[in-house]
Amino acid sequence: MPYAGLQASSTRGVTVKQRREGHRMEERPSDFEKRRLLLSMLIPFLMVSFMWLVLGAEALFDTDLHFLGIFPLRASSLTGIFTSPFIHADLRHLFNNTIPLFVLGTALFYFYPQVSLRVLFWLFLLTGLAVWLTGRPSWHIGASGIVYGLASFLFVSGIIRRHIPLMGLSLLVAFLYGEMVWGIFPGFRPNISWESHMLGAAAGLLLAVWYRAEGPQRPVPFYEKEEDDDGDEEENEHGAMNQLN
């Protein structure tokens, strides 16, 4: 009888231990996703913070950093390809770019971690260089070109990959920022760089096509897997028959 009681206690102990391990296993994916989300926010947060720091420094020291923007075909403003997104005209200009840049940037790093840094780098380079080559003879500043590039990349990538979660992200981008499309047309809004908007969107589309084979992909449907397995079996049977012959 004592032995039976000891065995029962041991069984209960193992059961409790297994339950605890099961709870830990259930919590781990959630914790992983939280860390992944926080890491995805890091670079967009740093970019936005630096933009606010720059505008604050302009106000504090009563200076104007527009010369760090892009003036088309002026060699001295080539550095503006990478510095112009961090320069804004005023609080309203910066605020209008802050939220979409943070949201879309986080979505880029969360859903496309394999290519996110490359996409962001090429958005800066392609958008800035295209504005420098083709823009109106005026100073072009602000992160709106990058915002349009991110929105375009996320929208097009989700569609051409035909992956349901990414297609859902495409629909969400279209719902939240669909009205941005009007910003690519000249004359729709005065005193904006519609060239940056249009060329940023074009760069995002180009990068979505270029990187379509990298990053998350649509899972292979079960019926396609079965067809592949049947094809492999047929090839193996033919190979065996050839060896016998």
Protein backbone atom coordinates (compact mmCIF):
# COMPACT_ATOMS: atom_id res chain seq x y z
CA MET A 1 0.00 0.00 0.00
CA PRO A 2 2.75 2.55 0.79
CA TYR A 3 4.30 1.73 -2.55
CA ALA A 4 0.98 2.36 -4.30
CA GLY A 5 0.63 5.73 -2.56
CA LEU A 6 4.17 6.70 -3.56
CA GLN A 7 3.46 5.76 -7.14
CA ALA A 8 0.29 7.85 -7.20
CA SER A 9 2.11 10.86 -5.78
CA SER A 10 4.87 10.46 -8.33
CA THR A 11 2.32 10.30 -11.11
CA ARG A 12 0.64 13.47 -9.88
CA GLY A 13 4.04 15.17 -9.67
CA VAL A 14 4.90 14.25 -13.24
CA THR A 15 1.51 15.45 -14.40
CA VAL A 16 1.95 18.85 -12.71
CA LYS A 17 5.44 19.16 -14.18
CA GLN A 18 4.18 18.33 -17.64
CA ARG A 19 1.41 20.89 -17.28
CA ARG A 20 3.90 23.56 -16.25
CA GLU A 21 6.09 22.74 -19.23
CA GLY A 22 3.05 22.84 -21.45
CA HIS A 23 2.14 26.31 -20.16
CA ARG A 24 5.70 27.47 -20.79
CA MET A 25 5.58 26.13 -24.33
CA GLU A 26 2.32 27.98 -24.88
CA GLU A 27 3.81 31.24 -23.61
CA ARG A 28 6.98 31.04 -25.63
CA PRO A 29 5.48 31.83 -29.06
CA SER A 30 3.66 34.81 -27.55
CA ASP A 31 6.85 36.11 -25.94
CA PHE A 32 8.74 35.58 -29.17
CA GLU A 33 6.17 37.56 -31.14
CA LYS A 34 6.32 40.39 -28.61
CA ARG A 35 10.10 40.59 -28.88
CA ARG A 36 9.87 40.39 -32.65
CA LEU A 37 7.36 43.23 -32.72
CA LEU A 38 9.48 45.38 -30.42
CA LEU A 39 12.58 44.77 -32.55
CA SER A 40 10.57 45.65 -35.66
CA MET A 41 9.72 49.00 -34.07
CA LEU A 42 13.33 49.85 -33.24
CA ILE A 43 14.64 51.30 -36.51
CA PRO A 44 11.41 53.17 -37.41
CA PHE A 45 11.37 54.60 -33.88
CA LEU A 46 15.00 55.74 -34.15
CA MET A 47 14.32 57.35 -37.53
CA VAL A 48 11.27 59.22 -36.29
CA SER A 49 13.06 60.27 -33.10
CA PHE A 50 15.97 61.66 -35.07
CA MET A 51 13.57 63.64 -37.28
CA TRP A 52 12.00 65.24 -34.22
CA LEU A 53 15.46 65.89 -32.79
CA VAL A 54 16.49 67.69 -35.98
CA LEU A 55 13.38 69.88 -35.99
CA GLY A 56 13.88 70.61 -32.30
CA ALA A 57 17.49 71.60 -32.93
CA GLU A 58 16.37 73.95 -35.71
CA ALA A 59 13.92 75.66 -33.33
CA LEU A 60 16.37 75.74 -30.42
CA PHE A 61 19.26 77.25 -32.37
CA ASP A 62 17.02 79.33 -34.69
CA THR A 63 18.50 77.81 -37.83
CA ASP A 64 17.24 76.34 -41.09
CA LEU A 65 18.62 73.05 -42.39
CA HIS A 66 16.80 73.05 -45.71
CA PHE A 67 20.20 73.01 -47.44
CA LEU A 68 20.41 69.34 -46.40
CA GLY A 69 17.53 68.63 -48.75
CA ILE A 70 17.64 67.83 -52.45
CA PHE A 71 18.01 70.52 -55.09
CA PRO A 72 17.78 68.74 -58.47
CA LEU A 73 20.92 68.61 -60.60
CA ARG A 74 22.94 70.57 -58.05
CA ALA A 75 26.03 68.52 -57.20
CA SER A 76 26.35 70.00 -53.71
CA SER A 77 22.92 68.60 -52.77
CA LEU A 78 23.68 64.98 -53.64
CA THR A 79 24.08 64.30 -49.93
CA GLY A 80 20.41 65.21 -49.65
CA ILE A 81 19.58 61.79 -51.12
CA PHE A 82 20.11 60.41 -47.61
CA THR A 83 19.63 63.51 -45.45
CA SER A 84 16.51 65.11 -46.95
CA PRO A 85 14.04 62.62 -45.35
CA PHE A 86 15.15 63.86 -41.92
CA ILE A 87 14.47 67.54 -42.68
CA HIS A 88 10.95 68.98 -42.39
CA ALA A 89 9.47 72.40 -42.91
CA ASP A 90 7.42 72.62 -39.71
CA LEU A 91 5.60 70.65 -37.03
CA ARG A 92 2.63 69.85 -39.25
CA HIS A 93 4.88 68.53 -42.01
CA LEU A 94 6.75 66.29 -39.56
CA PHE A 95 3.62 65.09 -37.75
CA ASN A 96 1.99 64.08 -41.06
CA ASN A 97 4.98 61.84 -41.78
CA THR A 98 5.63 60.51 -38.27
CA ILE A 99 2.73 58.10 -37.80
CA PRO A 100 2.70 56.54 -41.30
CA LEU A 101 6.49 56.19 -41.29
CA PHE A 102 6.45 54.46 -37.92
CA VAL A 103 3.49 52.18 -38.76
CA LEU A 104 4.62 51.23 -42.27
CA GLY A 105 8.26 50.91 -41.21
CA THR A 106 7.29 48.57 -38.38
CA ALA A 107 5.19 46.51 -40.80
CA LEU A 108 8.17 46.25 -43.17
CA PHE A 109 10.53 44.97 -40.47
CA TYR A 110 7.92 42.65 -38.94
CA PHE A 111 6.59 40.96 -42.08
CA TYR A 112 9.71 41.17 -44.28
CA PRO A 113 12.68 40.89 -41.89
CA GLN A 114 14.86 39.13 -44.48
CA VAL A 115 14.82 42.08 -46.89
CA SER A 116 13.76 45.04 -44.73
CA LEU A 117 17.14 46.74 -44.41
CA ARG A 118 17.87 46.38 -48.11
CA VAL A 119 14.44 47.68 -49.05
CA LEU A 120 14.83 50.71 -46.78
CA PHE A 121 18.30 51.49 -48.13
CA TRP A 122 17.17 51.24 -51.75
CA LEU A 123 14.09 53.35 -51.06
CA PHE A 124 16.35 56.13 -49.79
CA LEU A 125 18.73 55.80 -52.73
CA LEU A 126 16.27 55.30 -55.60
CA THR A 127 13.76 57.91 -54.45
CA GLY A 128 16.38 60.53 -53.63
CA LEU A 129 18.38 59.98 -56.81
CA ALA A 130 15.27 60.06 -59.00
CA VAL A 131 14.16 63.34 -57.40
CA TRP A 132 17.65 64.78 -57.86
CA LEU A 133 17.58 63.85 -61.55
CA THR A 134 14.00 64.78 -62.46
CA GLY A 135 12.55 67.08 -59.80
CA ARG A 136 11.59 70.72 -60.15
CA PRO A 137 14.33 73.30 -59.41
CA SER A 138 13.42 73.71 -55.75
CA TRP A 139 14.38 72.30 -52.37
CA HIS A 140 12.78 68.89 -51.72
CA ILE A 141 12.65 67.87 -48.05
CA GLY A 142 10.71 65.44 -45.87
CA ALA A 143 10.17 61.71 -45.45
CA SER A 144 7.01 61.51 -47.53
CA GLY A 145 8.86 59.87 -50.43
CA ILE A 146 9.96 57.07 -48.09
CA VAL A 147 6.42 56.78 -46.73
CA TYR A 148 5.03 56.37 -50.25
CA GLY A 149 7.74 53.84 -51.03
CA LEU A 150 6.92 51.77 -47.96
CA ALA A 151 3.19 51.84 -48.68
CA SER A 152 3.78 50.83 -52.29
CA PHE A 153 6.18 48.01 -51.37
CA LEU A 154 3.86 46.54 -48.73
CA PHE A 155 0.78 46.78 -50.94
CA VAL A 156 2.33 45.29 -54.08
CA SER A 157 4.36 42.63 -52.24
CA GLY A 158 1.29 41.21 -50.56
CA ILE A 159 -0.53 40.92 -53.88
CA ILE A 160 2.20 39.37 -56.01
CA ARG A 161 3.19 36.86 -53.29
CA ARG A 162 -0.43 35.65 -52.99
CA HIS A 163 0.10 34.88 -49.32
CA ILE A 164 -3.12 35.47 -47.34
CA PRO A 165 -1.59 37.30 -44.31
CA LEU A 166 0.42 39.55 -46.61
CA MET A 167 -2.61 40.17 -48.83
CA GLY A 168 -4.47 41.15 -45.67
CA LEU A 169 -1.68 43.60 -44.92
CA SER A 170 -2.05 44.99 -48.45
CA LEU A 171 -5.74 45.60 -47.86
CA LEU A 172 -4.99 47.25 -44.51
CA VAL A 173 -2.45 49.57 -46.14
CA ALA A 174 -4.94 50.45 -48.85
CA PHE A 175 -7.64 51.13 -46.24
CA LEU A 176 -5.45 53.29 -43.99
CA TYR A 177 -3.41 55.13 -46.59
CA GLY A 178 -5.32 54.74 -49.84
CA GLU A 179 -5.99 58.45 -50.07
CA MET A 180 -2.24 59.02 -50.37
CA VAL A 181 -2.56 58.14 -54.05
CA TRP A 182 -3.73 61.69 -54.75
CA GLY A 183 -0.38 63.00 -53.58
CA ILE A 184 1.42 61.65 -56.64
CA PHE A 185 -0.42 64.00 -59.01
CA PRO A 186 1.01 67.46 -59.73
CA GLY A 187 -1.05 70.40 -58.62
CA PHE A 188 -3.35 68.42 -56.31
CA ARG A 189 -1.79 69.93 -53.19
CA PRO A 190 0.23 73.14 -53.36
CA ASN A 191 3.74 73.36 -51.96
CA ILE A 192 4.37 69.63 -51.77
CA SER A 193 6.98 67.54 -53.54
CA TRP A 194 4.66 65.37 -55.60
CA GLU A 195 7.77 64.13 -57.40
CA SER A 196 9.00 62.53 -54.16
CA HIS A 197 5.61 60.90 -53.68
CA MET A 198 5.36 59.54 -57.21
CA LEU A 199 8.97 58.41 -57.44
CA GLY A 200 8.91 56.89 -53.96
CA ALA A 201 5.82 54.87 -54.90
CA ALA A 202 7.52 53.78 -58.13
CA ALA A 203 10.63 52.70 -56.19
CA GLY A 204 8.49 50.68 -53.77
CA LEU A 205 6.76 48.93 -56.65
CA LEU A 206 10.08 48.14 -58.32
CA LEU A 207 11.54 46.73 -55.10
CA ALA A 208 8.43 44.62 -54.46
CA VAL A 209 8.94 42.95 -57.83
CA TRP A 210 12.71 42.68 -57.40
CA TYR A 211 12.50 40.98 -53.99
CA ARG A 212 9.38 38.91 -54.72
CA ALA A 213 11.32 35.63 -54.37
CA GLU A 214 12.86 36.58 -51.00
CA GLY A 215 11.19 36.78 -47.63
CA PRO A 216 7.84 35.18 -46.72
CA GLN A 217 6.23 33.10 -49.45
CA ARG A 218 2.83 31.55 -50.04
CA PRO A 219 2.68 28.05 -48.53
CA VAL A 220 2.37 25.25 -51.07
CA PRO A 221 -1.26 23.94 -51.03
CA PHE A 222 -1.70 20.33 -49.95
CA TYR A 223 -3.03 19.26 -53.36
CA GLU A 224 0.09 20.58 -55.07
CA LYS A 225 2.23 18.67 -52.58
CA GLU A 226 0.31 15.48 -53.41
CA GLU A 227 0.87 16.05 -57.13
CA ASP A 228 4.59 16.54 -56.54
CA ASP A 229 4.75 13.38 -54.44
CA ASP A 230 2.94 11.43 -57.16
CA GLY A 231 5.33 12.79 -59.76
CA ASP A 232 8.35 11.79 -57.66
CA GLU A 233 6.97 8.29 -57.21
CA GLU A 234 6.44 7.94 -60.97
CA GLU A 235 9.98 9.12 -61.65
CA ASN A 236 11.36 6.62 -59.12
CA GLU A 237 9.34 3.80 -60.71
CA HIS A 238 10.59 4.72 -64.19
CA GLY A 239 14.14 4.87 -62.88
CA ALA A 240 13.82 1.44 -61.30
CA MET A 241 12.37 -0.01 -64.53
CA ASN A 242 15.22 1.46 -66.55
CA GLN A 243 17.76 -0.07 -64.21
CA LEU A 244 16.07 -3.48 -64.57
CA ASN A 245 16.07 -3.16 -68.35
